[in-house]
Amino acid sequence: MILFNTTFAVDNNKSGEFIEFIRDTYIPMAEMSGIYGLLLTELHGEMSDNSLTGQPVRTFALQMRVPDEEAMTDFHDQVLPNLYRVIGESWGMGVSMFESKLDVIYDHSKANG
């Protein structure tokens, strides 16, 4: 299993509509790709400022479980470009992001449940 994490820094004044996009568009498209166990979280603590827009930002992390490398490649090559295009067209420099692809070494919930 792969844990795919995308961290987003979103201008505070755009964060409500961004959360709706993640909930109503991004997550359903990921689930249709065989990805499961999606979790949207927010960094606990103070907001920083977007150096490009000057706006305070909220930092979110979207974590997803991907069953295997084939599903990861398909999602990354076929689905993400469209999602990232929508993000760019909708929020421009008001959203920045980076991805992390992590190999799961041990999943306690599966080992004991």
N, C-alpha and C. Protein backbone atom coordinates (compact mmCIF):
# COMPACT_ATOMS: atom_id res chain seq x y z
N MET A 1 0.85 -1.17 0.00
CA MET A 1 0.00 0.00 0.00
C MET A 1 0.89 1.24 0.00
N ILE A 2 0.39 2.29 -0.62
CA ILE A 2 1.07 3.58 -0.69
C ILE A 2 0.19 4.60 0.02
N LEU A 3 0.81 5.46 0.80
CA LEU A 3 0.11 6.60 1.38
C LEU A 3 0.53 7.81 0.57
N PHE A 4 -0.45 8.42 -0.11
CA PHE A 4 -0.19 9.58 -0.96
C PHE A 4 -0.69 10.81 -0.23
N ASN A 5 0.19 11.74 0.02
CA ASN A 5 -0.13 12.96 0.75
C ASN A 5 0.11 14.17 -0.15
N THR A 6 -0.86 15.06 -0.19
CA THR A 6 -0.66 16.35 -0.84
C THR A 6 -0.93 17.42 0.20
N THR A 7 0.04 18.31 0.38
CA THR A 7 -0.09 19.42 1.32
C THR A 7 -0.37 20.68 0.52
N PHE A 8 -1.41 21.39 0.93
CA PHE A 8 -1.86 22.60 0.24
C PHE A 8 -1.75 23.79 1.19
N ALA A 9 -1.20 24.89 0.72
CA ALA A 9 -1.26 26.17 1.42
C ALA A 9 -2.27 27.02 0.65
N VAL A 10 -3.37 27.40 1.31
CA VAL A 10 -4.50 28.03 0.64
C VAL A 10 -4.78 29.39 1.30
N ASP A 11 -4.87 30.42 0.47
CA ASP A 11 -5.23 31.74 1.00
C ASP A 11 -6.51 31.60 1.83
N ASN A 12 -6.49 32.16 3.03
CA ASN A 12 -7.61 32.03 3.94
C ASN A 12 -8.93 32.45 3.32
N ASN A 13 -8.93 33.52 2.52
CA ASN A 13 -10.18 34.01 1.94
C ASN A 13 -10.72 33.08 0.84
N LYS A 14 -9.94 32.09 0.43
CA LYS A 14 -10.37 31.12 -0.58
C LYS A 14 -10.57 29.73 0.01
N SER A 15 -10.30 29.57 1.29
CA SER A 15 -10.25 28.22 1.88
C SER A 15 -11.61 27.51 1.90
N GLY A 16 -12.71 28.24 2.11
CA GLY A 16 -14.02 27.60 2.13
C GLY A 16 -14.37 26.94 0.82
N GLU A 17 -14.19 27.67 -0.28
CA GLU A 17 -14.50 27.09 -1.59
C GLU A 17 -13.49 26.01 -1.96
N PHE A 18 -12.25 26.12 -1.49
CA PHE A 18 -11.26 25.08 -1.75
C PHE A 18 -11.64 23.78 -1.04
N ILE A 19 -12.07 23.87 0.21
CA ILE A 19 -12.51 22.68 0.94
C ILE A 19 -13.69 22.03 0.23
N GLU A 20 -14.63 22.82 -0.25
CA GLU A 20 -15.76 22.27 -1.01
C GLU A 20 -15.28 21.53 -2.25
N PHE A 21 -14.31 22.09 -2.96
CA PHE A 21 -13.75 21.44 -4.14
C PHE A 21 -13.12 20.09 -3.77
N ILE A 22 -12.36 20.07 -2.70
CA ILE A 22 -11.73 18.81 -2.26
C ILE A 22 -12.81 17.79 -1.93
N ARG A 23 -13.81 18.21 -1.17
CA ARG A 23 -14.88 17.30 -0.74
C ARG A 23 -15.76 16.84 -1.89
N ASP A 24 -16.15 17.77 -2.77
CA ASP A 24 -17.17 17.46 -3.78
C ASP A 24 -16.61 17.00 -5.12
N THR A 25 -15.34 17.28 -5.40
CA THR A 25 -14.77 16.94 -6.70
C THR A 25 -13.54 16.04 -6.57
N TYR A 26 -12.54 16.50 -5.84
CA TYR A 26 -11.26 15.78 -5.75
C TYR A 26 -11.44 14.39 -5.14
N ILE A 27 -12.07 14.33 -3.97
CA ILE A 27 -12.22 13.04 -3.28
C ILE A 27 -13.05 12.05 -4.10
N PRO A 28 -14.20 12.44 -4.65
CA PRO A 28 -14.93 11.46 -5.47
C PRO A 28 -14.12 10.95 -6.67
N MET A 29 -13.34 11.82 -7.30
CA MET A 29 -12.53 11.37 -8.44
C MET A 29 -11.43 10.42 -7.98
N ALA A 30 -10.87 10.66 -6.82
CA ALA A 30 -9.86 9.75 -6.28
C ALA A 30 -10.48 8.40 -5.96
N GLU A 31 -11.65 8.41 -5.34
CA GLU A 31 -12.31 7.15 -5.00
C GLU A 31 -12.67 6.35 -6.25
N MET A 32 -13.07 7.02 -7.33
CA MET A 32 -13.37 6.31 -8.59
C MET A 32 -12.11 5.66 -9.17
N SER A 33 -10.95 6.12 -8.73
CA SER A 33 -9.68 5.58 -9.20
C SER A 33 -9.17 4.45 -8.31
N GLY A 34 -9.97 4.02 -7.34
CA GLY A 34 -9.58 2.92 -6.47
C GLY A 34 -8.83 3.35 -5.23
N ILE A 35 -8.76 4.63 -5.00
CA ILE A 35 -8.09 5.17 -3.82
C ILE A 35 -9.10 5.21 -2.68
N TYR A 36 -8.64 4.95 -1.48
CA TYR A 36 -9.57 4.84 -0.35
C TYR A 36 -8.96 5.45 0.91
N GLY A 37 -9.78 5.54 1.94
CA GLY A 37 -9.31 6.02 3.24
C GLY A 37 -8.83 7.47 3.20
N LEU A 38 -9.52 8.31 2.45
CA LEU A 38 -9.10 9.70 2.31
C LEU A 38 -9.37 10.49 3.58
N LEU A 39 -8.43 11.37 3.91
CA LEU A 39 -8.53 12.16 5.11
C LEU A 39 -7.99 13.55 4.83
N LEU A 40 -8.82 14.57 5.02
CA LEU A 40 -8.38 15.95 4.88
C LEU A 40 -8.16 16.51 6.28
N THR A 41 -6.95 17.03 6.51
CA THR A 41 -6.61 17.59 7.81
C THR A 41 -6.10 19.02 7.63
N GLU A 42 -6.05 19.75 8.74
CA GLU A 42 -5.50 21.10 8.72
C GLU A 42 -4.40 21.20 9.76
N LEU A 43 -3.34 21.88 9.40
CA LEU A 43 -2.24 22.12 10.31
C LEU A 43 -2.74 22.88 11.52
N HIS A 44 -2.45 22.36 12.68
CA HIS A 44 -2.86 22.97 13.93
C HIS A 44 -1.90 24.11 14.27
N GLY A 45 -2.44 25.27 14.60
CA GLY A 45 -1.59 26.37 15.01
C GLY A 45 -1.83 27.63 14.22
N GLU A 46 -0.85 28.51 14.24
CA GLU A 46 -0.96 29.82 13.59
C GLU A 46 -0.89 29.73 12.08
N MET A 47 -1.56 30.68 11.43
CA MET A 47 -1.48 30.79 9.98
C MET A 47 -0.22 31.58 9.62
N SER A 48 0.35 31.23 8.48
CA SER A 48 1.45 32.02 7.93
C SER A 48 0.88 32.88 6.80
N ASP A 49 1.74 33.63 6.12
CA ASP A 49 1.29 34.47 5.01
C ASP A 49 1.83 33.93 3.69
N ASN A 50 1.01 34.04 2.64
CA ASN A 50 1.42 33.69 1.29
C ASN A 50 2.35 34.80 0.80
N SER A 51 3.59 34.46 0.49
CA SER A 51 4.56 35.48 0.08
C SER A 51 4.21 36.10 -1.27
N LEU A 52 3.38 35.42 -2.08
CA LEU A 52 3.00 35.95 -3.38
C LEU A 52 1.77 36.84 -3.34
N THR A 53 0.81 36.51 -2.49
CA THR A 53 -0.44 37.27 -2.45
C THR A 53 -0.56 38.16 -1.21
N GLY A 54 0.26 37.90 -0.20
CA GLY A 54 0.18 38.65 1.04
C GLY A 54 -0.95 38.22 1.96
N GLN A 55 -1.73 37.24 1.55
CA GLN A 55 -2.87 36.76 2.32
C GLN A 55 -2.41 35.75 3.39
N PRO A 56 -3.11 35.72 4.54
CA PRO A 56 -2.86 34.62 5.48
C PRO A 56 -3.30 33.31 4.83
N VAL A 57 -2.58 32.23 5.12
CA VAL A 57 -2.91 30.94 4.52
C VAL A 57 -3.25 29.90 5.58
N ARG A 58 -4.12 29.00 5.18
CA ARG A 58 -4.41 27.79 5.95
C ARG A 58 -3.70 26.65 5.25
N THR A 59 -3.13 25.74 6.03
CA THR A 59 -2.39 24.61 5.47
C THR A 59 -3.18 23.33 5.69
N PHE A 60 -3.48 22.64 4.59
CA PHE A 60 -4.24 21.40 4.62
C PHE A 60 -3.38 20.26 4.10
N ALA A 61 -3.65 19.06 4.59
CA ALA A 61 -3.02 17.86 4.05
C ALA A 61 -4.12 16.88 3.67
N LEU A 62 -4.05 16.38 2.45
CA LEU A 62 -4.99 15.36 1.98
C LEU A 62 -4.22 14.06 1.89
N GLN A 63 -4.60 13.11 2.73
CA GLN A 63 -3.92 11.81 2.77
C GLN A 63 -4.85 10.76 2.19
N MET A 64 -4.26 9.91 1.34
CA MET A 64 -5.04 8.89 0.64
C MET A 64 -4.28 7.58 0.64
N ARG A 65 -5.00 6.51 0.74
CA ARG A 65 -4.39 5.18 0.64
C ARG A 65 -4.59 4.65 -0.77
N VAL A 66 -3.49 4.21 -1.35
CA VAL A 66 -3.50 3.72 -2.72
C VAL A 66 -3.06 2.25 -2.67
N PRO A 67 -3.84 1.34 -3.29
CA PRO A 67 -3.55 -0.09 -3.11
C PRO A 67 -2.21 -0.55 -3.67
N ASP A 68 -1.76 0.05 -4.79
CA ASP A 68 -0.51 -0.43 -5.40
C ASP A 68 0.05 0.62 -6.35
N GLU A 69 1.23 0.34 -6.88
CA GLU A 69 1.91 1.29 -7.75
C GLU A 69 1.14 1.55 -9.04
N GLU A 70 0.47 0.54 -9.57
CA GLU A 70 -0.31 0.72 -10.81
C GLU A 70 -1.44 1.73 -10.59
N ALA A 71 -2.17 1.61 -9.49
CA ALA A 71 -3.24 2.56 -9.19
C ALA A 71 -2.66 3.96 -8.96
N MET A 72 -1.48 4.02 -8.33
CA MET A 72 -0.84 5.32 -8.09
C MET A 72 -0.47 5.98 -9.40
N THR A 73 0.12 5.22 -10.31
CA THR A 73 0.52 5.75 -11.61
C THR A 73 -0.70 6.20 -12.41
N ASP A 74 -1.74 5.39 -12.43
CA ASP A 74 -2.96 5.76 -13.16
C ASP A 74 -3.55 7.05 -12.62
N PHE A 75 -3.67 7.15 -11.29
CA PHE A 75 -4.23 8.36 -10.69
C PHE A 75 -3.35 9.56 -10.99
N HIS A 76 -2.05 9.40 -10.82
CA HIS A 76 -1.12 10.51 -11.00
C HIS A 76 -1.08 10.98 -12.45
N ASP A 77 -1.17 10.06 -13.40
CA ASP A 77 -1.04 10.42 -14.82
C ASP A 77 -2.36 10.79 -15.48
N GLN A 78 -3.47 10.22 -15.01
CA GLN A 78 -4.74 10.40 -15.70
C GLN A 78 -5.73 11.32 -14.99
N VAL A 79 -5.67 11.39 -13.67
CA VAL A 79 -6.66 12.16 -12.91
C VAL A 79 -6.08 13.46 -12.37
N LEU A 80 -4.92 13.39 -11.75
CA LEU A 80 -4.35 14.58 -11.12
C LEU A 80 -4.12 15.75 -12.07
N PRO A 81 -3.67 15.54 -13.31
CA PRO A 81 -3.48 16.72 -14.17
C PRO A 81 -4.75 17.57 -14.31
N ASN A 82 -5.90 16.93 -14.42
CA ASN A 82 -7.17 17.67 -14.54
C ASN A 82 -7.52 18.38 -13.23
N LEU A 83 -7.31 17.70 -12.11
CA LEU A 83 -7.60 18.32 -10.82
C LEU A 83 -6.68 19.52 -10.59
N TYR A 84 -5.39 19.36 -10.91
CA TYR A 84 -4.45 20.46 -10.71
C TYR A 84 -4.73 21.62 -11.68
N ARG A 85 -5.22 21.31 -12.86
CA ARG A 85 -5.61 22.36 -13.81
C ARG A 85 -6.75 23.19 -13.23
N VAL A 86 -7.75 22.51 -12.65
CA VAL A 86 -8.88 23.22 -12.04
C VAL A 86 -8.39 24.09 -10.88
N ILE A 87 -7.50 23.56 -10.07
CA ILE A 87 -6.97 24.34 -8.95
C ILE A 87 -6.27 25.59 -9.47
N GLY A 88 -5.42 25.43 -10.48
CA GLY A 88 -4.71 26.57 -11.05
C GLY A 88 -5.64 27.60 -11.65
N GLU A 89 -6.63 27.14 -12.39
CA GLU A 89 -7.58 28.06 -13.02
C GLU A 89 -8.48 28.76 -12.00
N SER A 90 -8.79 28.06 -10.92
CA SER A 90 -9.73 28.60 -9.93
C SER A 90 -9.07 29.51 -8.91
N TRP A 91 -7.86 29.16 -8.48
CA TRP A 91 -7.25 29.88 -7.36
C TRP A 91 -5.86 30.43 -7.66
N GLY A 92 -5.30 30.10 -8.81
CA GLY A 92 -4.00 30.65 -9.20
C GLY A 92 -2.97 30.56 -8.09
N MET A 93 -2.33 31.68 -7.80
CA MET A 93 -1.28 31.72 -6.78
C MET A 93 -1.84 31.67 -5.36
N GLY A 94 -3.16 31.60 -5.24
CA GLY A 94 -3.78 31.48 -3.92
C GLY A 94 -3.68 30.09 -3.33
N VAL A 95 -3.18 29.13 -4.11
CA VAL A 95 -2.97 27.76 -3.63
C VAL A 95 -1.60 27.31 -4.09
N SER A 96 -0.80 26.83 -3.16
CA SER A 96 0.44 26.15 -3.52
C SER A 96 0.39 24.77 -2.89
N MET A 97 1.18 23.84 -3.43
CA MET A 97 1.07 22.45 -2.96
C MET A 97 2.35 21.70 -3.21
N PHE A 98 2.50 20.59 -2.48
CA PHE A 98 3.54 19.62 -2.79
C PHE A 98 3.03 18.24 -2.43
N GLU A 99 3.59 17.24 -3.11
CA GLU A 99 3.16 15.85 -2.95
C GLU A 99 4.24 15.03 -2.26
N SER A 100 3.78 14.03 -1.50
CA SER A 100 4.67 13.03 -0.92
C SER A 100 4.04 11.66 -1.17
N LYS A 101 4.83 10.74 -1.67
CA LYS A 101 4.38 9.37 -1.89
C LYS A 101 5.17 8.49 -0.92
N LEU A 102 4.46 7.84 0.01
CA LEU A 102 5.09 7.10 1.09
C LEU A 102 4.73 5.62 0.99
N ASP A 103 5.71 4.76 1.10
CA ASP A 103 5.45 3.33 1.17
C ASP A 103 5.08 2.98 2.61
N VAL A 104 3.95 2.30 2.80
CA VAL A 104 3.51 1.91 4.13
C VAL A 104 4.31 0.69 4.56
N ILE A 105 4.97 0.82 5.70
CA ILE A 105 5.79 -0.26 6.25
C ILE A 105 4.96 -1.13 7.19
N TYR A 106 4.15 -0.49 7.99
CA TYR A 106 3.34 -1.20 8.96
C TYR A 106 2.03 -0.44 9.16
N ASP A 107 0.91 -1.13 9.04
CA ASP A 107 -0.41 -0.54 9.24
C ASP A 107 -1.02 -1.21 10.46
N HIS A 108 -0.97 -0.53 11.57
CA HIS A 108 -1.44 -1.11 12.84
C HIS A 108 -2.92 -1.50 12.78
N SER A 109 -3.75 -0.72 12.07
CA SER A 109 -5.16 -1.03 11.99
C SER A 109 -5.41 -2.36 11.28
N LYS A 110 -4.58 -2.69 10.31
CA LYS A 110 -4.75 -3.97 9.60
C LYS A 110 -4.15 -5.11 10.39
N ALA A 111 -3.12 -4.84 11.15
CA ALA A 111 -2.46 -5.89 11.92
C ALA A 111 -3.31 -6.35 13.10
N ASN A 112 -4.16 -5.45 13.59
CA ASN A 112 -4.92 -5.76 14.81
C ASN A 112 -6.42 -5.60 14.63
N GLY A 113 -6.89 -5.64 13.40
CA GLY A 113 -8.27 -5.36 13.33
C GLY A 113 -9.09 -6.03 12.38
